[in-house]
Amino acid sequence: RLHHIPLPTMQAFICTPVASTSPHAPLALSATPTACLRAPPLPPGLDAARRAAAPPRWTAAKDGSFPGRPDATRYKVTVKDPKRGETYVVEAPEDRYIWHTLTDEFGIELPSSCRHGCCTTCAVRVESGEVQQREALGLLKEMREKGYALLCVSYPRSDIVCELQDEDEVYVRQFGETFEQGGVEWGGVMPEDD
């Protein structure tokens, strides 16, 4: 089945340390914080009236797990899930990790474990397109060069088509030869030295 998921209206919870009647003051847009943006403090010495009238200077976390800029370029991301026989097509922003876009914005359940790029649970094979995944510590350079990526720490850099991979298969492809050299059998135990 093919699912095309329309882009939802983004909700945000904007935090503010004080209440204000200024049109530029941050307002709570949602009772549930899905994103928390903070205005950095204004320079000392500004009087209260100038502080209230100053436009906000928003900053957001640099981590791609949080929503980024509303005007960020969006790319068509197609994720094939062979286990479920499903294909998901969404528009993902260039400044947010693909896994978080799919799960947080569109409610798609994808495999995950660490969500920090250290395991291979969310591994995909990129069939076309380009991702940036500097934080993918769970994938060897050789695997990245063969087109594997970890969705939890991958930013889209173009329209992409990818297919979810079996976690164990990716793990064994990376480390299987190393473990075999150590004498460990699949499902077995490590022999003790005499």
C-alpha atoms as a PDB file:
ATOM      1  CA  ARG A   1       0.000   0.000   0.000  1.00  0.00           C
ATOM      2  CA  LEU A   2       1.134   3.520  -0.707  1.00  0.00           C
ATOM      3  CA  HIS A   3       0.512   6.204   1.907  1.00  0.00           C
ATOM      4  CA  HIS A   4       0.891   9.839   0.946  1.00  0.00           C
ATOM      5  CA  ILE A   5       0.728  11.846   4.120  1.00  0.00           C
ATOM      6  CA  PRO A   6      -0.111  15.550   3.744  1.00  0.00           C
ATOM      7  CA  LEU A   7       1.984  18.077   5.615  1.00  0.00           C
ATOM      8  CA  PRO A   8       0.196  18.897   8.908  1.00  0.00           C
ATOM      9  CA  THR A   9      -0.071  22.295  10.507  1.00  0.00           C
ATOM     10  CA  MET A  10       2.897  22.574  12.817  1.00  0.00           C
ATOM     11  CA  GLN A  11       2.162  23.117  16.492  1.00  0.00           C
ATOM     12  CA  ALA A  12       4.682  24.699  18.811  1.00  0.00           C
ATOM     13  CA  PHE A  13       4.883  25.680  22.429  1.00  0.00           C
ATOM     14  CA  ILE A  14       6.890  28.825  22.847  1.00  0.00           C
ATOM     15  CA  CYS A  15       8.311  29.310  26.307  1.00  0.00           C
ATOM     16  CA  THR A  16       8.413  32.694  27.989  1.00  0.00           C
ATOM     17  CA  PRO A  17       9.746  33.637  31.406  1.00  0.00           C
ATOM     18  CA  VAL A  18       7.294  36.544  31.880  1.00  0.00           C
ATOM     19  CA  ALA A  19       3.840  37.471  30.664  1.00  0.00           C
ATOM     20  CA  SER A  20       3.687  40.388  28.224  1.00  0.00           C
ATOM     21  CA  THR A  21       1.106  42.286  26.210  1.00  0.00           C
ATOM     22  CA  SER A  22       3.598  43.145  23.459  1.00  0.00           C
ATOM     23  CA  PRO A  23       2.634  41.903  19.976  1.00  0.00           C
ATOM     24  CA  HIS A  24       6.200  40.581  19.709  1.00  0.00           C
ATOM     25  CA  ALA A  25       6.052  38.657  22.981  1.00  0.00           C
ATOM     26  CA  PRO A  26       6.071  34.869  22.811  1.00  0.00           C
ATOM     27  CA  LEU A  27       2.690  33.179  23.195  1.00  0.00           C
ATOM     28  CA  ALA A  28       1.779  29.621  24.120  1.00  0.00           C
ATOM     29  CA  LEU A  29       0.380  28.094  20.936  1.00  0.00           C
ATOM     30  CA  SER A  30      -0.301  24.635  22.270  1.00  0.00           C
ATOM     31  CA  ALA A  31      -0.888  23.111  25.695  1.00  0.00           C
ATOM     32  CA  THR A  32       1.478  20.267  24.835  1.00  0.00           C
ATOM     33  CA  PRO A  33       5.039  21.314  24.079  1.00  0.00           C
ATOM     34  CA  THR A  34       6.131  19.704  20.831  1.00  0.00           C
ATOM     35  CA  ALA A  35       8.866  22.271  20.406  1.00  0.00           C
ATOM     36  CA  CYS A  36      10.218  24.742  22.872  1.00  0.00           C
ATOM     37  CA  LEU A  37      11.897  27.819  21.491  1.00  0.00           C
ATOM     38  CA  ARG A  38      13.488  30.407  23.734  1.00  0.00           C
ATOM     39  CA  ALA A  39      14.286  34.034  23.120  1.00  0.00           C
ATOM     40  CA  PRO A  40      17.839  34.789  24.271  1.00  0.00           C
ATOM     41  CA  PRO A  41      18.094  37.595  26.816  1.00  0.00           C
ATOM     42  CA  LEU A  42      18.267  41.108  25.449  1.00  0.00           C
ATOM     43  CA  PRO A  43      21.330  43.187  26.289  1.00  0.00           C
ATOM     44  CA  PRO A  44      21.323  44.651  29.795  1.00  0.00           C
ATOM     45  CA  GLY A  45      20.425  48.317  30.111  1.00  0.00           C
ATOM     46  CA  LEU A  46      17.262  48.224  27.983  1.00  0.00           C
ATOM     47  CA  ASP A  47      14.293  49.624  29.819  1.00  0.00           C
ATOM     48  CA  ALA A  48      11.129  47.544  30.214  1.00  0.00           C
ATOM     49  CA  ALA A  49       9.229  49.362  27.416  1.00  0.00           C
ATOM     50  CA  ARG A  50      12.018  48.795  24.875  1.00  0.00           C
ATOM     51  CA  ARG A  51      12.352  45.166  25.992  1.00  0.00           C
ATOM     52  CA  ALA A  52       8.606  44.559  25.443  1.00  0.00           C
ATOM     53  CA  ALA A  53       8.685  46.239  22.001  1.00  0.00           C
ATOM     54  CA  ALA A  54      11.801  44.417  20.763  1.00  0.00           C
ATOM     55  CA  PRO A  55      11.091  41.652  18.249  1.00  0.00           C
ATOM     56  CA  PRO A  56      12.007  38.192  19.539  1.00  0.00           C
ATOM     57  CA  ARG A  57      15.280  36.597  18.482  1.00  0.00           C
ATOM     58  CA  TRP A  58      14.422  32.914  18.508  1.00  0.00           C
ATOM     59  CA  THR A  59      16.920  30.150  18.910  1.00  0.00           C
ATOM     60  CA  ALA A  60      16.224  26.452  18.613  1.00  0.00           C
ATOM     61  CA  ALA A  61      18.201  23.388  19.582  1.00  0.00           C
ATOM     62  CA  LYS A  62      20.763  22.469  16.944  1.00  0.00           C
ATOM     63  CA  ASP A  63      19.861  18.815  17.347  1.00  0.00           C
ATOM     64  CA  GLY A  64      17.830  17.535  14.402  1.00  0.00           C
ATOM     65  CA  SER A  65      15.355  15.795  16.712  1.00  0.00           C
ATOM     66  CA  PHE A  66      13.600  19.137  17.359  1.00  0.00           C
ATOM     67  CA  PRO A  67      11.534  21.039  14.814  1.00  0.00           C
ATOM     68  CA  GLY A  68      13.642  23.561  12.950  1.00  0.00           C
ATOM     69  CA  ARG A  69      12.865  26.577  10.810  1.00  0.00           C
ATOM     70  CA  PRO A  70       9.335  26.757   9.399  1.00  0.00           C
ATOM     71  CA  ASP A  71      10.773  28.004   6.092  1.00  0.00           C
ATOM     72  CA  ALA A  72      13.316  25.151   5.741  1.00  0.00           C
ATOM     73  CA  THR A  73      13.533  23.461   2.345  1.00  0.00           C
ATOM     74  CA  ARG A  74      11.479  20.263   2.318  1.00  0.00           C
ATOM     75  CA  TYR A  75      12.345  17.148   0.341  1.00  0.00           C
ATOM     76  CA  LYS A  76      10.175  14.222  -0.743  1.00  0.00           C
ATOM     77  CA  VAL A  77      11.191  11.227   1.374  1.00  0.00           C
ATOM     78  CA  THR A  78       9.949   7.773   0.403  1.00  0.00           C
ATOM     79  CA  VAL A  79      10.467   5.008   2.969  1.00  0.00           C
ATOM     80  CA  LYS A  80       9.672   1.416   2.002  1.00  0.00           C
ATOM     81  CA  ASP A  81       8.890  -1.017   4.816  1.00  0.00           C
ATOM     82  CA  PRO A  82       9.154  -4.553   3.375  1.00  0.00           C
ATOM     83  CA  LYS A  83       8.077  -6.255   6.628  1.00  0.00           C
ATOM     84  CA  ARG A  84       4.718  -4.464   6.633  1.00  0.00           C
ATOM     85  CA  GLY A  85       4.407  -4.144   2.870  1.00  0.00           C
ATOM     86  CA  GLU A  86       3.962  -0.372   3.252  1.00  0.00           C
ATOM     87  CA  THR A  87       5.499   2.653   1.555  1.00  0.00           C
ATOM     88  CA  TYR A  88       5.430   6.086   3.169  1.00  0.00           C
ATOM     89  CA  VAL A  89       5.852   9.314   1.218  1.00  0.00           C
ATOM     90  CA  VAL A  90       6.304  12.541   3.178  1.00  0.00           C
ATOM     91  CA  GLU A  91       7.934  15.932   2.829  1.00  0.00           C
ATOM     92  CA  ALA A  92      10.766  16.249   5.337  1.00  0.00           C
ATOM     93  CA  PRO A  93      12.601  19.486   6.203  1.00  0.00           C
ATOM     94  CA  GLU A  94      16.333  19.730   5.582  1.00  0.00           C
ATOM     95  CA  ASP A  95      17.023  20.704   9.206  1.00  0.00           C
ATOM     96  CA  ARG A  96      15.300  17.842  11.026  1.00  0.00           C
ATOM     97  CA  TYR A  97      16.253  14.178  11.283  1.00  0.00           C
ATOM     98  CA  ILE A  98      14.143  12.028   8.955  1.00  0.00           C
ATOM     99  CA  TRP A  99      13.128   9.546  11.692  1.00  0.00           C
ATOM    100  CA  HIS A 100      11.795  12.330  13.919  1.00  0.00           C
ATOM    101  CA  THR A 101       9.904  13.928  11.039  1.00  0.00           C
ATOM    102  CA  LEU A 102       8.187  10.647  10.185  1.00  0.00           C
ATOM    103  CA  THR A 103       7.317   9.725  13.767  1.00  0.00           C
ATOM    104  CA  ASP A 104       6.629  13.113  15.373  1.00  0.00           C
ATOM    105  CA  GLU A 105       5.000  15.022  12.517  1.00  0.00           C
ATOM    106  CA  PHE A 106       3.251  12.176  10.694  1.00  0.00           C
ATOM    107  CA  GLY A 107       2.729   9.523  13.384  1.00  0.00           C
ATOM    108  CA  ILE A 108       4.444   6.760  11.410  1.00  0.00           C
ATOM    109  CA  GLU A 109       5.837   3.971  13.594  1.00  0.00           C
ATOM    110  CA  LEU A 110       9.383   3.165  12.556  1.00  0.00           C
ATOM    111  CA  PRO A 111      11.858   0.854  14.255  1.00  0.00           C
ATOM    112  CA  SER A 112      14.118   2.563  16.774  1.00  0.00           C
ATOM    113  CA  SER A 113      16.166   1.873  19.840  1.00  0.00           C
ATOM    114  CA  CYS A 114      18.774   4.458  20.790  1.00  0.00           C
ATOM    115  CA  ARG A 115      17.681   7.344  18.491  1.00  0.00           C
ATOM    116  CA  HIS A 116      21.237   8.685  18.715  1.00  0.00           C
ATOM    117  CA  GLY A 117      22.882   6.951  15.744  1.00  0.00           C
ATOM    118  CA  CYS A 118      24.658   4.317  17.841  1.00  0.00           C
ATOM    119  CA  CYS A 119      22.723   1.155  16.949  1.00  0.00           C
ATOM    120  CA  THR A 120      21.398  -0.181  13.654  1.00  0.00           C
ATOM    121  CA  THR A 121      17.694  -0.507  14.494  1.00  0.00           C
ATOM    122  CA  CYS A 122      16.610   2.312  12.140  1.00  0.00           C
ATOM    123  CA  ALA A 123      18.998   1.374   9.311  1.00  0.00           C
ATOM    124  CA  VAL A 124      17.938   1.920   5.715  1.00  0.00           C
ATOM    125  CA  ARG A 125      19.507   1.392   2.333  1.00  0.00           C
ATOM    126  CA  VAL A 126      19.271   4.613   0.313  1.00  0.00           C
ATOM    127  CA  GLU A 127      18.262   3.687  -3.231  1.00  0.00           C
ATOM    128  CA  SER A 128      18.319   7.221  -4.606  1.00  0.00           C
ATOM    129  CA  GLY A 129      19.041  10.662  -3.242  1.00  0.00           C
ATOM    130  CA  GLU A 130      21.408  11.958  -0.616  1.00  0.00           C
ATOM    131  CA  VAL A 131      21.399  12.218   3.184  1.00  0.00           C
ATOM    132  CA  GLN A 132      23.823  13.872   5.582  1.00  0.00           C
ATOM    133  CA  GLN A 133      24.539  11.678   8.632  1.00  0.00           C
ATOM    134  CA  ARG A 134      27.611  12.956  10.481  1.00  0.00           C
ATOM    135  CA  GLU A 135      26.310  11.586  13.792  1.00  0.00           C
ATOM    136  CA  ALA A 136      25.877   7.998  12.541  1.00  0.00           C
ATOM    137  CA  LEU A 137      28.327   6.349  14.937  1.00  0.00           C
ATOM    138  CA  GLY A 138      26.598   2.967  14.557  1.00  0.00           C
ATOM    139  CA  LEU A 139      27.598   2.611  10.879  1.00  0.00           C
ATOM    140  CA  LEU A 140      31.083   1.991   9.623  1.00  0.00           C
ATOM    141  CA  LYS A 141      32.337   4.291   6.869  1.00  0.00           C
ATOM    142  CA  GLU A 142      32.286   1.362   4.432  1.00  0.00           C
ATOM    143  CA  MET A 143      28.576   0.784   5.126  1.00  0.00           C
ATOM    144  CA  ARG A 144      27.764   4.465   4.592  1.00  0.00           C
ATOM    145  CA  GLU A 145      29.668   4.343   1.304  1.00  0.00           C
ATOM    146  CA  LYS A 146      27.520   1.343   0.247  1.00  0.00           C
ATOM    147  CA  GLY A 147      24.380   3.458   0.734  1.00  0.00           C
ATOM    148  CA  TYR A 148      23.328   2.552   4.270  1.00  0.00           C
ATOM    149  CA  ALA A 149      22.036   5.245   6.596  1.00  0.00           C
ATOM    150  CA  LEU A 150      20.534   5.589  10.062  1.00  0.00           C
ATOM    151  CA  LEU A 151      17.264   7.527   9.825  1.00  0.00           C
ATOM    152  CA  CYS A 152      17.435   8.747  13.426  1.00  0.00           C
ATOM    153  CA  VAL A 153      20.455  10.967  12.616  1.00  0.00           C
ATOM    154  CA  SER A 154      20.023  11.573   8.861  1.00  0.00           C
ATOM    155  CA  TYR A 155      19.051  14.887   7.301  1.00  0.00           C
ATOM    156  CA  PRO A 156      17.622  14.824   3.763  1.00  0.00           C
ATOM    157  CA  ARG A 157      19.796  16.668   1.236  1.00  0.00           C
ATOM    158  CA  SER A 158      17.618  15.846  -1.786  1.00  0.00           C
ATOM    159  CA  ASP A 159      14.510  13.811  -2.564  1.00  0.00           C
ATOM    160  CA  ILE A 160      15.288  10.295  -1.368  1.00  0.00           C
ATOM    161  CA  VAL A 161      13.969   6.763  -1.711  1.00  0.00           C
ATOM    162  CA  CYS A 162      15.101   4.278   0.934  1.00  0.00           C
ATOM    163  CA  GLU A 163      14.173   0.862   2.269  1.00  0.00           C
ATOM    164  CA  LEU A 164      14.186  -0.229   5.906  1.00  0.00           C
ATOM    165  CA  GLN A 165      16.730  -2.963   6.602  1.00  0.00           C
ATOM    166  CA  ASP A 166      16.760  -5.778   9.117  1.00  0.00           C
ATOM    167  CA  GLU A 167      18.756  -4.600  12.149  1.00  0.00           C
ATOM    168  CA  ASP A 168      20.537  -7.930  12.612  1.00  0.00           C
ATOM    169  CA  GLU A 169      21.453  -8.131   8.941  1.00  0.00           C
ATOM    170  CA  VAL A 170      23.108  -4.692   9.005  1.00  0.00           C
ATOM    171  CA  TYR A 171      24.868  -5.471  12.278  1.00  0.00           C
ATOM    172  CA  VAL A 172      26.225  -8.797  10.964  1.00  0.00           C
ATOM    173  CA  ARG A 173      27.340  -7.166   7.674  1.00  0.00           C
ATOM    174  CA  GLN A 174      29.369  -4.679   9.696  1.00  0.00           C
ATOM    175  CA  PHE A 175      30.796  -6.859  12.433  1.00  0.00           C
ATOM    176  CA  GLY A 176      30.196 -10.457  11.337  1.00  0.00           C
ATOM    177  CA  GLU A 177      33.679 -11.034   9.962  1.00  0.00           C
ATOM    178  CA  THR A 178      35.255  -9.631  13.115  1.00  0.00           C
ATOM    179  CA  PHE A 179      33.181 -11.876  15.361  1.00  0.00           C
ATOM    180  CA  GLU A 180      33.818 -14.936  13.201  1.00  0.00           C
ATOM    181  CA  GLN A 181      37.559 -14.434  13.539  1.00  0.00           C
ATOM    182  CA  GLY A 182      37.113 -14.504  17.309  1.00  0.00           C
ATOM    183  CA  GLY A 183      35.610 -18.023  17.222  1.00  0.00           C
ATOM    184  CA  VAL A 184      32.105 -17.044  18.272  1.00  0.00           C
ATOM    185  CA  GLU A 185      29.314 -19.039  16.660  1.00  0.00           C
ATOM    186  CA  TRP A 186      25.936 -17.522  15.920  1.00  0.00           C
ATOM    187  CA  GLY A 187      23.904 -17.932  19.099  1.00  0.00           C
ATOM    188  CA  GLY A 188      26.827 -19.624  20.824  1.00  0.00           C
ATOM    189  CA  VAL A 189      29.119 -18.627  23.632  1.00  0.00           C
ATOM    190  CA  MET A 190      32.731 -17.510  23.577  1.00  0.00           C
ATOM    191  CA  PRO A 191      35.064 -20.395  24.425  1.00  0.00           C
ATOM    192  CA  GLU A 192      37.314 -19.943  27.447  1.00  0.00           C
ATOM    193  CA  ASP A 193      41.073 -19.949  26.975  1.00  0.00           C
ATOM    194  CA  ASP A 194      42.884 -23.031  28.360  1.00  0.00           C
END
